[in-house]
């Protein structure tokens, strides 16, 4: 769904993005992550994500919407619609897609908030 070329070694590549995939021994080993523990020690008031995710792929701010539409057109599941938030001096835009095994993959971008 992300338009990657996948080789025999489990490397999924597209443009400047490379994801290394690992095969589970059995289907019972596939366990998507739960929501992570909130933390109060970040340098801003952000305490962590509101949903569980297993992989975060940083993409450019300008390409995020394009990638979401590409995933939709190929029948991919958008688990969390794109949203914008902020912490500290950074603005972020994230979306979450879900793979066939139920793993959440965040496509996210950040940029400094103009002063």
PDB file of N, CA and C in Angstrom:
ATOM      1  N   UNK A   1       0.811  -1.205   0.000  1.00  0.00           N
ATOM      2  CA  UNK A   1       0.000   0.000   0.000  1.00  0.00           C
ATOM      3  C   UNK A   1       0.852   1.265   0.000  1.00  0.00           C
ATOM      4  N   UNK A   2       2.089   1.168   0.476  1.00  0.00           N
ATOM      5  CA  UNK A   2       2.965   2.331   0.504  1.00  0.00           C
ATOM      6  C   UNK A   2       3.797   2.458  -0.765  1.00  0.00           C
ATOM      7  N   UNK A   3       3.607   1.563  -1.718  1.00  0.00           N
ATOM      8  CA  UNK A   3       4.321   1.665  -2.979  1.00  0.00           C
ATOM      9  C   UNK A   3       5.787   1.293  -2.892  1.00  0.00           C
ATOM     10  N   UNK A   4       6.140   0.465  -1.935  1.00  0.00           N
ATOM     11  CA  UNK A   4       7.545   0.061  -1.747  1.00  0.00           C
ATOM     12  C   UNK A   4       7.890  -1.126  -2.627  1.00  0.00           C
ATOM     13  N   UNK A   5       9.150  -1.201  -2.986  1.00  0.00           N
ATOM     14  CA  UNK A   5       9.707  -2.397  -3.601  1.00  0.00           C
ATOM     15  C   UNK A   5      10.230  -3.237  -2.440  1.00  0.00           C
ATOM     16  N   UNK A   6       9.891  -4.531  -2.427  1.00  0.00           N
ATOM     17  CA  UNK A   6      10.314  -5.401  -1.331  1.00  0.00           C
ATOM     18  C   UNK A   6      11.224  -6.470  -1.909  1.00  0.00           C
ATOM     19  N   UNK A   7      12.428  -6.575  -1.329  1.00  0.00           N
ATOM     20  CA  UNK A   7      13.364  -7.588  -1.811  1.00  0.00           C
ATOM     21  C   UNK A   7      13.248  -8.866  -0.976  1.00  0.00           C
ATOM     22  N   UNK A   8      14.022  -9.867  -1.311  1.00  0.00           N
ATOM     23  CA  UNK A   8      13.991 -11.156  -0.626  1.00  0.00           C
ATOM     24  C   UNK A   8      14.517 -11.127   0.793  1.00  0.00           C
ATOM     25  N   UNK A   9      15.102 -10.030   1.210  1.00  0.00           N
ATOM     26  CA  UNK A   9      15.667  -9.911   2.549  1.00  0.00           C
ATOM     27  C   UNK A   9      14.744  -9.173   3.513  1.00  0.00           C
ATOM     28  N   UNK A  10      13.584  -8.714   3.053  1.00  0.00           N
ATOM     29  CA  UNK A  10      12.663  -8.003   3.924  1.00  0.00           C
ATOM     30  C   UNK A  10      12.879  -6.515   3.966  1.00  0.00           C
ATOM     31  N   UNK A  11      13.587  -5.979   2.978  1.00  0.00           N
ATOM     32  CA  UNK A  11      13.755  -4.530   2.893  1.00  0.00           C
ATOM     33  C   UNK A  11      12.640  -3.967   2.012  1.00  0.00           C
ATOM     34  N   UNK A  12      11.888  -3.030   2.543  1.00  0.00           N
ATOM     35  CA  UNK A  12      10.852  -2.339   1.778  1.00  0.00           C
ATOM     36  C   UNK A  12      11.379  -0.933   1.525  1.00  0.00           C
ATOM     37  N   UNK A  13      11.534  -0.577   0.246  1.00  0.00           N
ATOM     38  CA  UNK A  13      12.164   0.697  -0.085  1.00  0.00           C
ATOM     39  C   UNK A  13      11.304   1.512  -1.045  1.00  0.00           C
ATOM     40  N   UNK A  14      11.326   2.803  -0.800  1.00  0.00           N
ATOM     41  CA  UNK A  14      10.663   3.758  -1.691  1.00  0.00           C
ATOM     42  C   UNK A  14      11.361   5.093  -1.524  1.00  0.00           C
ATOM     43  N   UNK A  15      11.841   5.659  -2.596  1.00  0.00           N
ATOM     44  CA  UNK A  15      12.539   6.938  -2.569  1.00  0.00           C
ATOM     45  C   UNK A  15      13.625   6.899  -1.489  1.00  0.00           C
ATOM     46  N   UNK A  16      13.563   7.789  -0.511  1.00  0.00           N
ATOM     47  CA  UNK A  16      14.570   7.849   0.555  1.00  0.00           C
ATOM     48  C   UNK A  16      14.149   7.068   1.802  1.00  0.00           C
ATOM     49  N   UNK A  17      13.060   6.295   1.727  1.00  0.00           N
ATOM     50  CA  UNK A  17      12.539   5.560   2.872  1.00  0.00           C
ATOM     51  C   UNK A  17      12.906   4.083   2.753  1.00  0.00           C
ATOM     52  N   UNK A  18      13.430   3.503   3.829  1.00  0.00           N
ATOM     53  CA  UNK A  18      13.698   2.070   3.886  1.00  0.00           C
ATOM     54  C   UNK A  18      13.127   1.531   5.184  1.00  0.00           C
ATOM     55  N   UNK A  19      12.340   0.481   5.078  1.00  0.00           N
ATOM     56  CA  UNK A  19      11.776  -0.202   6.236  1.00  0.00           C
ATOM     57  C   UNK A  19      12.320  -1.622   6.200  1.00  0.00           C
ATOM     58  N   UNK A  20      12.808  -2.105   7.326  1.00  0.00           N
ATOM     59  CA  UNK A  20      13.302  -3.482   7.400  1.00  0.00           C
ATOM     60  C   UNK A  20      12.234  -4.317   8.095  1.00  0.00           C
ATOM     61  N   UNK A  21      11.729  -5.310   7.399  1.00  0.00           N
ATOM     62  CA  UNK A  21      10.650  -6.155   7.890  1.00  0.00           C
ATOM     63  C   UNK A  21      11.197  -7.457   8.474  1.00  0.00           C
ATOM     64  N   UNK A  22      10.535  -7.964   9.489  1.00  0.00           N
ATOM     65  CA  UNK A  22      10.887  -9.248  10.080  1.00  0.00           C
ATOM     66  C   UNK A  22       9.666 -10.151  10.031  1.00  0.00           C
ATOM     67  N   UNK A  23       9.861 -11.409   9.687  1.00  0.00           N
ATOM     68  CA  UNK A  23       8.774 -12.382   9.627  1.00  0.00           C
ATOM     69  C   UNK A  23       8.610 -13.050  10.987  1.00  0.00           C
ATOM     70  N   UNK A  24       7.395 -13.089  11.505  1.00  0.00           N
ATOM     71  CA  UNK A  24       7.125 -13.788  12.759  1.00  0.00           C
ATOM     72  C   UNK A  24       7.263 -15.292  12.542  1.00  0.00           C
ATOM     73  N   UNK A  25       7.632 -16.014  13.585  1.00  0.00           N
ATOM     74  CA  UNK A  25       7.769 -17.468  13.500  1.00  0.00           C
ATOM     75  C   UNK A  25       6.402 -18.105  13.294  1.00  0.00           C
ATOM     76  N   UNK A  26       5.401 -17.657  14.047  1.00  0.00           N
ATOM     77  CA  UNK A  26       4.043 -18.192  13.926  1.00  0.00           C
ATOM     78  C   UNK A  26       3.052 -17.026  13.960  1.00  0.00           C
ATOM     79  N   UNK A  27       1.828 -17.254  13.486  1.00  0.00           N
ATOM     80  CA  UNK A  27       0.818 -16.192  13.578  1.00  0.00           C
ATOM     81  C   UNK A  27       0.538 -15.763  15.020  1.00  0.00           C
ATOM     82  N   UNK A  28       0.722 -16.645  15.967  1.00  0.00           N
ATOM     83  CA  UNK A  28       0.506 -16.306  17.381  1.00  0.00           C
ATOM     84  C   UNK A  28       1.520 -15.280  17.885  1.00  0.00           C
ATOM     85  N   UNK A  29       2.659 -15.147  17.210  1.00  0.00           N
ATOM     86  CA  UNK A  29       3.678 -14.177  17.609  1.00  0.00           C
ATOM     87  C   UNK A  29       3.331 -12.750  17.196  1.00  0.00           C
ATOM     88  N   UNK A  30       2.326 -12.592  16.362  1.00  0.00           N
ATOM     89  CA  UNK A  30       1.937 -11.273  15.879  1.00  0.00           C
ATOM     90  C   UNK A  30       1.053 -10.628  16.949  1.00  0.00           C
ATOM     91  N   UNK A  31       1.596  -9.602  17.612  1.00  0.00           N
ATOM     92  CA  UNK A  31       0.878  -8.910  18.689  1.00  0.00           C
ATOM     93  C   UNK A  31       1.063  -7.400  18.545  1.00  0.00           C
ATOM     94  N   UNK A  32       0.117  -6.740  17.910  1.00  0.00           N
ATOM     95  CA  UNK A  32       0.246  -5.282  17.787  1.00  0.00           C
ATOM     96  C   UNK A  32       0.371  -4.621  19.155  1.00  0.00           C
ATOM     97  N   UNK A  33       1.146  -3.537  19.190  1.00  0.00           N
ATOM     98  CA  UNK A  33       1.390  -2.811  20.436  1.00  0.00           C
ATOM     99  C   UNK A  33       0.128  -2.167  20.979  1.00  0.00           C
ATOM    100  N   UNK A  34       0.097  -2.053  22.287  1.00  0.00           N
ATOM    101  CA  UNK A  34      -0.974  -1.332  22.973  1.00  0.00           C
ATOM    102  C   UNK A  34      -0.555   0.131  23.105  1.00  0.00           C
ATOM    103  N   UNK A  35      -1.448   0.937  23.619  1.00  0.00           N
ATOM    104  CA  UNK A  35      -1.145   2.347  23.856  1.00  0.00           C
ATOM    105  C   UNK A  35       0.012   2.435  24.848  1.00  0.00           C
ATOM    106  N   UNK A  36       0.974   3.298  24.562  1.00  0.00           N
ATOM    107  CA  UNK A  36       2.130   3.442  25.442  1.00  0.00           C
ATOM    108  C   UNK A  36       1.773   4.242  26.691  1.00  0.00           C
ATOM    109  N   UNK A  37       2.607   4.061  27.707  1.00  0.00           N
ATOM    110  CA  UNK A  37       2.425   4.756  28.979  1.00  0.00           C
ATOM    111  C   UNK A  37       2.636   6.261  28.779  1.00  0.00           C
ATOM    112  N   UNK A  38       1.784   7.060  29.405  1.00  0.00           N
ATOM    113  CA  UNK A  38       1.955   8.516  29.364  1.00  0.00           C
ATOM    114  C   UNK A  38       3.165   8.891  30.220  1.00  0.00           C
ATOM    115  N   UNK A  39       3.869   9.935  29.794  1.00  0.00           N
ATOM    116  CA  UNK A  39       5.072  10.392  30.499  1.00  0.00           C
ATOM    117  C   UNK A  39       4.968  11.876  30.783  1.00  0.00           C
ATOM    118  N   UNK A  40       5.434  12.277  31.933  1.00  0.00           N
ATOM    119  CA  UNK A  40       5.410  13.695  32.283  1.00  0.00           C
ATOM    120  C   UNK A  40       6.788  14.335  32.164  1.00  0.00           C
ATOM    121  N   UNK A  41       7.779  13.590  31.660  1.00  0.00           N
ATOM    122  CA  UNK A  41       9.140  14.124  31.609  1.00  0.00           C
ATOM    123  C   UNK A  41       9.571  14.615  30.226  1.00  0.00           C
ATOM    124  N   UNK A  42       8.616  14.767  29.296  1.00  0.00           N
ATOM    125  CA  UNK A  42       8.946  15.393  28.021  1.00  0.00           C
ATOM    126  C   UNK A  42       9.245  16.871  28.277  1.00  0.00           C
ATOM    127  N   UNK A  43      10.008  17.520  27.414  1.00  0.00           N
ATOM    128  CA  UNK A  43      10.322  18.936  27.646  1.00  0.00           C
ATOM    129  C   UNK A  43       9.149  19.877  27.377  1.00  0.00           C
ATOM    130  N   UNK A  44       8.000  19.334  26.987  1.00  0.00           N
ATOM    131  CA  UNK A  44       6.805  20.148  26.755  1.00  0.00           C
ATOM    132  C   UNK A  44       5.656  19.519  27.535  1.00  0.00           C
ATOM    133  N   UNK A  45       4.444  20.008  27.330  1.00  0.00           N
ATOM    134  CA  UNK A  45       3.294  19.447  28.044  1.00  0.00           C
ATOM    135  C   UNK A  45       2.731  18.189  27.385  1.00  0.00           C
ATOM    136  N   UNK A  46       3.305  17.740  26.279  1.00  0.00           N
ATOM    137  CA  UNK A  46       2.865  16.515  25.603  1.00  0.00           C
ATOM    138  C   UNK A  46       3.253  15.319  26.449  1.00  0.00           C
ATOM    139  N   UNK A  47       2.349  14.373  26.622  1.00  0.00           N
ATOM    140  CA  UNK A  47       2.620  13.202  27.457  1.00  0.00           C
ATOM    141  C   UNK A  47       2.758  11.910  26.664  1.00  0.00           C
ATOM    142  N   UNK A  48       2.675  11.993  25.344  1.00  0.00           N
ATOM    143  CA  UNK A  48       2.803  10.799  24.514  1.00  0.00           C
ATOM    144  C   UNK A  48       1.574  10.597  23.650  1.00  0.00           C
ATOM    145  N   UNK A  49       1.631   9.623  22.751  1.00  0.00           N
ATOM    146  CA  UNK A  49       0.531   9.414  21.808  1.00  0.00           C
ATOM    147  C   UNK A  49      -0.737   8.915  22.497  1.00  0.00           C
ATOM    148  N   UNK A  50      -1.870   9.194  21.861  1.00  0.00           N
ATOM    149  CA  UNK A  50      -3.165   8.764  22.388  1.00  0.00           C
ATOM    150  C   UNK A  50      -3.587   7.395  21.876  1.00  0.00           C
ATOM    151  N   UNK A  51      -2.827   6.816  20.964  1.00  0.00           N
ATOM    152  CA  UNK A  51      -3.151   5.493  20.439  1.00  0.00           C
ATOM    153  C   UNK A  51      -1.856   4.704  20.282  1.00  0.00           C
ATOM    154  N   UNK A  52      -1.977   3.397  20.303  1.00  0.00           N
ATOM    155  CA  UNK A  52      -0.800   2.548  20.165  1.00  0.00           C
ATOM    156  C   UNK A  52      -0.317   2.478  18.734  1.00  0.00           C
ATOM    157  N   UNK A  53       0.997   2.440  18.551  1.00  0.00           N
ATOM    158  CA  UNK A  53       1.571   2.282  17.224  1.00  0.00           C
ATOM    159  C   UNK A  53       2.860   1.479  17.330  1.00  0.00           C
ATOM    160  N   UNK A  54       3.193   0.848  16.245  1.00  0.00           N
ATOM    161  CA  UNK A  54       4.323  -0.062  16.224  1.00  0.00           C
ATOM    162  C   UNK A  54       5.499   0.476  15.425  1.00  0.00           C
ATOM    163  N   UNK A  55       5.219   1.307  14.450  1.00  0.00           N
ATOM    164  CA  UNK A  55       6.260   1.865  13.589  1.00  0.00           C
ATOM    165  C   UNK A  55       5.902   3.312  13.283  1.00  0.00           C
ATOM    166  N   UNK A  56       6.911   4.171  13.272  1.00  0.00           N
ATOM    167  CA  UNK A  56       6.714   5.575  12.916  1.00  0.00           C
ATOM    168  C   UNK A  56       7.600   5.858  11.721  1.00  0.00           C
ATOM    169  N   UNK A  57       7.006   6.341  10.651  1.00  0.00           N
ATOM    170  CA  UNK A  57       7.749   6.694   9.453  1.00  0.00           C
ATOM    171  C   UNK A  57       7.647   8.205   9.272  1.00  0.00           C
ATOM    172  N   UNK A  58       8.783   8.874   9.356  1.00  0.00           N
ATOM    173  CA  UNK A  58       8.795  10.331   9.196  1.00  0.00           C
ATOM    174  C   UNK A  58       8.775  10.662   7.712  1.00  0.00           C
ATOM    175  N   UNK A  59       7.833  11.494   7.317  1.00  0.00           N
ATOM    176  CA  UNK A  59       7.707  11.934   5.923  1.00  0.00           C
ATOM    177  C   UNK A  59       7.686  13.457   5.913  1.00  0.00           C
ATOM    178  N   UNK A  60       7.845  14.047   4.750  1.00  0.00           N
ATOM    179  CA  UNK A  60       7.816  15.502   4.677  1.00  0.00           C
ATOM    180  C   UNK A  60       6.387  16.004   4.880  1.00  0.00           C
ATOM    181  N   UNK A  61       6.272  17.188   5.427  1.00  0.00           N
ATOM    182  CA  UNK A  61       4.972  17.810   5.685  1.00  0.00           C
ATOM    183  C   UNK A  61       4.131  17.844   4.411  1.00  0.00           C
ATOM    184  N   UNK A  62       4.761  18.199   3.321  1.00  0.00           N
ATOM    185  CA  UNK A  62       4.056  18.356   2.049  1.00  0.00           C
ATOM    186  C   UNK A  62       3.588  17.025   1.467  1.00  0.00           C
ATOM    187  N   UNK A  63       4.251  15.915   1.784  1.00  0.00           N
ATOM    188  CA  UNK A  63       3.918  14.626   1.177  1.00  0.00           C
ATOM    189  C   UNK A  63       2.914  13.803   1.967  1.00  0.00           C
ATOM    190  N   UNK A  64       2.621  14.163   3.193  1.00  0.00           N
ATOM    191  CA  UNK A  64       1.770  13.314   4.023  1.00  0.00           C
ATOM    192  C   UNK A  64       0.389  13.100   3.412  1.00  0.00           C
ATOM    193  N   UNK A  65      -0.285  14.154   3.023  1.00  0.00           N
ATOM    194  CA  UNK A  65      -1.630  14.015   2.453  1.00  0.00           C
ATOM    195  C   UNK A  65      -1.605  13.193   1.161  1.00  0.00           C
ATOM    196  N   UNK A  66      -0.578  13.410   0.351  1.00  0.00           N
ATOM    197  CA  UNK A  66      -0.434  12.645  -0.886  1.00  0.00           C
ATOM    198  C   UNK A  66      -0.321  11.146  -0.583  1.00  0.00           C
ATOM    199  N   UNK A  67       0.492  10.788   0.409  1.00  0.00           N
ATOM    200  CA  UNK A  67       0.667   9.380   0.777  1.00  0.00           C
ATOM    201  C   UNK A  67      -0.622   8.777   1.326  1.00  0.00           C
ATOM    202  N   UNK A  68      -1.373   9.538   2.097  1.00  0.00           N
ATOM    203  CA  UNK A  68      -2.650   9.053   2.635  1.00  0.00           C
ATOM    204  C   UNK A  68      -3.602   8.728   1.486  1.00  0.00           C
ATOM    205  N   UNK A  69      -3.704   9.616   0.516  1.00  0.00           N
ATOM    206  CA  UNK A  69      -4.591   9.361  -0.619  1.00  0.00           C
ATOM    207  C   UNK A  69      -4.123   8.157  -1.431  1.00  0.00           C
ATOM    208  N   UNK A  70      -2.824   8.007  -1.571  1.00  0.00           N
ATOM    209  CA  UNK A  70      -2.282   6.861  -2.297  1.00  0.00           C
ATOM    210  C   UNK A  70      -2.642   5.552  -1.586  1.00  0.00           C
ATOM    211  N   UNK A  71      -2.515   5.526  -0.267  1.00  0.00           N
ATOM    212  CA  UNK A  71      -2.871   4.333   0.511  1.00  0.00           C
ATOM    213  C   UNK A  71      -4.367   4.042   0.358  1.00  0.00           C
ATOM    214  N   UNK A  72      -5.201   5.078   0.445  1.00  0.00           N
ATOM    215  CA  UNK A  72      -6.656   4.898   0.278  1.00  0.00           C
ATOM    216  C   UNK A  72      -6.987   4.299  -1.085  1.00  0.00           C
ATOM    217  N   UNK A  73      -6.373   4.866  -2.137  1.00  0.00           N
ATOM    218  CA  UNK A  73      -6.653   4.397  -3.496  1.00  0.00           C
ATOM    219  C   UNK A  73      -6.275   2.936  -3.686  1.00  0.00           C
ATOM    220  N   UNK A  74      -5.290   2.469  -2.949  1.00  0.00           N
ATOM    221  CA  UNK A  74      -4.854   1.076  -3.062  1.00  0.00           C
ATOM    222  C   UNK A  74      -5.593   0.154  -2.097  1.00  0.00           C
ATOM    223  N   UNK A  75      -6.592   0.690  -1.397  1.00  0.00           N
ATOM    224  CA  UNK A  75      -7.408  -0.124  -0.508  1.00  0.00           C
ATOM    225  C   UNK A  75      -6.854  -0.283   0.897  1.00  0.00           C
ATOM    226  N   UNK A  76      -5.864   0.528   1.268  1.00  0.00           N
ATOM    227  CA  UNK A  76      -5.283   0.441   2.602  1.00  0.00           C
ATOM    228  C   UNK A  76      -6.221   0.991   3.662  1.00  0.00           C
ATOM    229  N   UNK A  77      -6.026   0.535   4.887  1.00  0.00           N
ATOM    230  CA  UNK A  77      -6.873   0.959   6.001  1.00  0.00           C
ATOM    231  C   UNK A  77      -6.252   2.139   6.726  1.00  0.00           C
ATOM    232  N   UNK A  78      -6.974   3.249   6.761  1.00  0.00           N
ATOM    233  CA  UNK A  78      -6.565   4.415   7.535  1.00  0.00           C
ATOM    234  C   UNK A  78      -7.201   4.236   8.916  1.00  0.00           C
ATOM    235  N   UNK A  79      -6.369   3.921   9.925  1.00  0.00           N
ATOM    236  CA  UNK A  79      -6.875   3.648  11.271  1.00  0.00           C
ATOM    237  C   UNK A  79      -7.146   4.932  12.039  1.00  0.00           C
ATOM    238  N   UNK A  80      -6.349   5.972  11.805  1.00  0.00           N
ATOM    239  CA  UNK A  80      -6.540   7.285  12.425  1.00  0.00           C
ATOM    240  C   UNK A  80      -6.384   8.307  11.305  1.00  0.00           C
ATOM    241  N   UNK A  81      -7.415   9.084  11.096  1.00  0.00           N
ATOM    242  CA  UNK A  81      -7.379  10.105  10.044  1.00  0.00           C
ATOM    243  C   UNK A  81      -6.299  11.147  10.358  1.00  0.00           C
ATOM    244  N   UNK A  82      -5.757  11.802   9.327  1.00  0.00           N
ATOM    245  CA  UNK A  82      -4.727  12.820   9.563  1.00  0.00           C
ATOM    246  C   UNK A  82      -5.198  13.884  10.555  1.00  0.00           C
ATOM    247  N   UNK A  83      -4.303  14.265  11.447  1.00  0.00           N
ATOM    248  CA  UNK A  83      -4.604  15.311  12.420  1.00  0.00           C
ATOM    249  C   UNK A  83      -3.345  16.126  12.673  1.00  0.00           C
ATOM    250  N   UNK A  84      -3.551  17.345  13.135  1.00  0.00           N
ATOM    251  CA  UNK A  84      -2.450  18.263  13.426  1.00  0.00           C
ATOM    252  C   UNK A  84      -2.478  18.582  14.916  1.00  0.00           C
ATOM    253  N   UNK A  85      -1.312  18.608  15.508  1.00  0.00           N
ATOM    254  CA  UNK A  85      -1.178  18.960  16.915  1.00  0.00           C
ATOM    255  C   UNK A  85       0.122  19.720  17.110  1.00  0.00           C
ATOM    256  N   UNK A  86       0.418  20.046  18.348  1.00  0.00           N
ATOM    257  CA  UNK A  86       1.643  20.785  18.635  1.00  0.00           C
ATOM    258  C   UNK A  86       2.149  20.419  20.013  1.00  0.00           C
ATOM    259  N   UNK A  87       3.447  20.499  20.163  1.00  0.00           N
ATOM    260  CA  UNK A  87       4.048  20.475  21.483  1.00  0.00           C
ATOM    261  C   UNK A  87       5.327  21.280  21.419  1.00  0.00           C
ATOM    262  N   UNK A  88       5.434  22.175  22.411  1.00  0.00           N
ATOM    263  CA  UNK A  88       6.572  23.083  22.396  1.00  0.00           C
ATOM    264  C   UNK A  88       6.524  23.968  21.170  1.00  0.00           C
ATOM    265  N   UNK A  89       7.665  24.112  20.529  1.00  0.00           N
ATOM    266  CA  UNK A  89       7.729  24.970  19.339  1.00  0.00           C
ATOM    267  C   UNK A  89       7.520  24.174  18.046  1.00  0.00           C
ATOM    268  N   UNK A  90       7.082  22.919  18.163  1.00  0.00           N
ATOM    269  CA  UNK A  90       6.906  22.050  17.002  1.00  0.00           C
ATOM    270  C   UNK A  90       5.441  21.732  16.742  1.00  0.00           C
ATOM    271  N   UNK A  91       5.091  21.764  15.480  1.00  0.00           N
ATOM    272  CA  UNK A  91       3.777  21.357  15.016  1.00  0.00           C
ATOM    273  C   UNK A  91       3.953  20.007  14.333  1.00  0.00           C
ATOM    274  N   UNK A  92       3.042  19.090  14.578  1.00  0.00           N
ATOM    275  CA  UNK A  92       3.139  17.793  13.926  1.00  0.00           C
ATOM    276  C   UNK A  92       1.846  17.463  13.203  1.00  0.00           C
ATOM    277  N   UNK A  93       1.978  16.671  12.153  1.00  0.00           N
ATOM    278  CA  UNK A  93       0.835  16.183  11.386  1.00  0.00           C
ATOM    279  C   UNK A  93       1.037  14.682  11.254  1.00  0.00           C
ATOM    280  N   UNK A  94       0.094  13.909  11.766  1.00  0.00           N
ATOM    281  CA  UNK A  94       0.210  12.454  11.756  1.00  0.00           C
ATOM    282  C   UNK A  94      -1.047  11.812  11.201  1.00  0.00           C
ATOM    283  N   UNK A  95      -0.880  10.618  10.732  1.00  0.00           N
ATOM    284  CA  UNK A  95      -1.981   9.735  10.379  1.00  0.00           C
ATOM    285  C   UNK A  95      -1.519   8.333  10.719  1.00  0.00           C
ATOM    286  N   UNK A  96      -2.423   7.418  10.793  1.00  0.00           N
ATOM    287  CA  UNK A  96      -2.048   6.046  11.136  1.00  0.00           C
ATOM    288  C   UNK A  96      -2.716   5.099  10.157  1.00  0.00           C
ATOM    289  N   UNK A  97      -1.916   4.252   9.550  1.00  0.00           N
ATOM    290  CA  UNK A  97      -2.455   3.198   8.693  1.00  0.00           C
ATOM    291  C   UNK A  97      -2.276   1.877   9.430  1.00  0.00           C
ATOM    292  N   UNK A  98      -3.089   0.894   9.065  1.00  0.00           N
ATOM    293  CA  UNK A  98      -2.994  -0.395   9.741  1.00  0.00           C
ATOM    294  C   UNK A  98      -2.684  -1.476   8.713  1.00  0.00           C
ATOM    295  N   UNK A  99      -1.683  -2.298   9.023  1.00  0.00           N
ATOM    296  CA  UNK A  99      -1.313  -3.359   8.088  1.00  0.00           C
ATOM    297  C   UNK A  99      -2.250  -4.556   8.269  1.00  0.00           C
ATOM    298  N   UNK A 100      -2.166  -5.560   7.389  1.00  0.00           N
ATOM    299  CA  UNK A 100      -3.093  -6.705   7.464  1.00  0.00           C
ATOM    300  C   UNK A 100      -3.014  -7.490   8.783  1.00  0.00           C
ATOM    301  N   UNK A 101      -1.904  -7.387   9.515  1.00  0.00           N
ATOM    302  CA  UNK A 101      -1.775  -8.088  10.795  1.00  0.00           C
ATOM    303  C   UNK A 101      -2.282  -7.249  11.969  1.00  0.00           C
ATOM    304  N   UNK A 102      -2.753  -6.035  11.704  1.00  0.00           N
ATOM    305  CA  UNK A 102      -3.269  -5.177  12.759  1.00  0.00           C
ATOM    306  C   UNK A 102      -2.249  -4.232  13.358  1.00  0.00           C
ATOM    307  N   UNK A 103      -1.035  -4.186  12.794  1.00  0.00           N
ATOM    308  CA  UNK A 103      -0.026  -3.264  13.304  1.00  0.00           C
ATOM    309  C   UNK A 103      -0.299  -1.855  12.804  1.00  0.00           C
ATOM    310  N   UNK A 104      -0.178  -0.890  13.694  1.00  0.00           N
ATOM    311  CA  UNK A 104      -0.369   0.509  13.341  1.00  0.00           C
ATOM    312  C   UNK A 104       0.959   1.115  12.897  1.00  0.00           C
ATOM    313  N   UNK A 105       0.928   1.765  11.761  1.00  0.00           N
ATOM    314  CA  UNK A 105       2.099   2.427  11.205  1.00  0.00           C
ATOM    315  C   UNK A 105       1.751   3.907  11.088  1.00  0.00           C
ATOM    316  N   UNK A 106       2.473   4.735  11.816  1.00  0.00           N
ATOM    317  CA  UNK A 106       2.229   6.174  11.767  1.00  0.00           C
ATOM    318  C   UNK A 106       3.046   6.777  10.637  1.00  0.00           C
ATOM    319  N   UNK A 107       2.400   7.567   9.816  1.00  0.00           N
ATOM    320  CA  UNK A 107       3.083   8.433   8.862  1.00  0.00           C
ATOM    321  C   UNK A 107       3.005   9.811   9.498  1.00  0.00           C
ATOM    322  N   UNK A 108       4.149  10.379   9.812  1.00  0.00           N
ATOM    323  CA  UNK A 108       4.139  11.638  10.534  1.00  0.00           C
ATOM    324  C   UNK A 108       5.159  12.626  10.035  1.00  0.00           C
ATOM    325  N   UNK A 109       4.871  13.883  10.292  1.00  0.00           N
ATOM    326  CA  UNK A 109       5.794  14.943   9.907  1.00  0.00           C
ATOM    327  C   UNK A 109       5.778  16.005  11.001  1.00  0.00           C
ATOM    328  N   UNK A 110       6.867  16.748  11.077  1.00  0.00           N
ATOM    329  CA  UNK A 110       6.988  17.836  12.033  1.00  0.00           C
ATOM    330  C   UNK A 110       7.594  19.051  11.352  1.00  0.00           C
ATOM    331  N   UNK A 111       7.260  20.200  11.884  1.00  0.00           N
ATOM    332  CA  UNK A 111       7.899  21.425  11.434  1.00  0.00           C
ATOM    333  C   UNK A 111       7.851  22.417  12.593  1.00  0.00           C
ATOM    334  N   UNK A 112       8.812  23.300  12.570  1.00  0.00           N
ATOM    335  CA  UNK A 112       8.867  24.321  13.616  1.00  0.00           C
ATOM    336  C   UNK A 112       7.744  25.331  13.374  1.00  0.00           C
ATOM    337  N   UNK A 113       7.077  25.704  14.437  1.00  0.00           N
ATOM    338  CA  UNK A 113       5.995  26.680  14.333  1.00  0.00           C
ATOM    339  C   UNK A 113       6.606  28.047  14.086  1.00  0.00           C
ATOM    340  N   UNK A 114       6.185  28.730  13.022  1.00  0.00           N
ATOM    341  CA  UNK A 114       6.731  30.060  12.756  1.00  0.00           C
ATOM    342  C   UNK A 114       6.458  31.015  13.920  1.00  0.00           C
ATOM    343  N   UNK A 115       7.456  31.806  14.258  1.00  0.00           N
ATOM    344  CA  UNK A 115       7.325  32.764  15.375  1.00  0.00           C
ATOM    345  C   UNK A 115       6.889  34.117  14.869  1.00  0.00           C
TER     346      UNK A 115
END
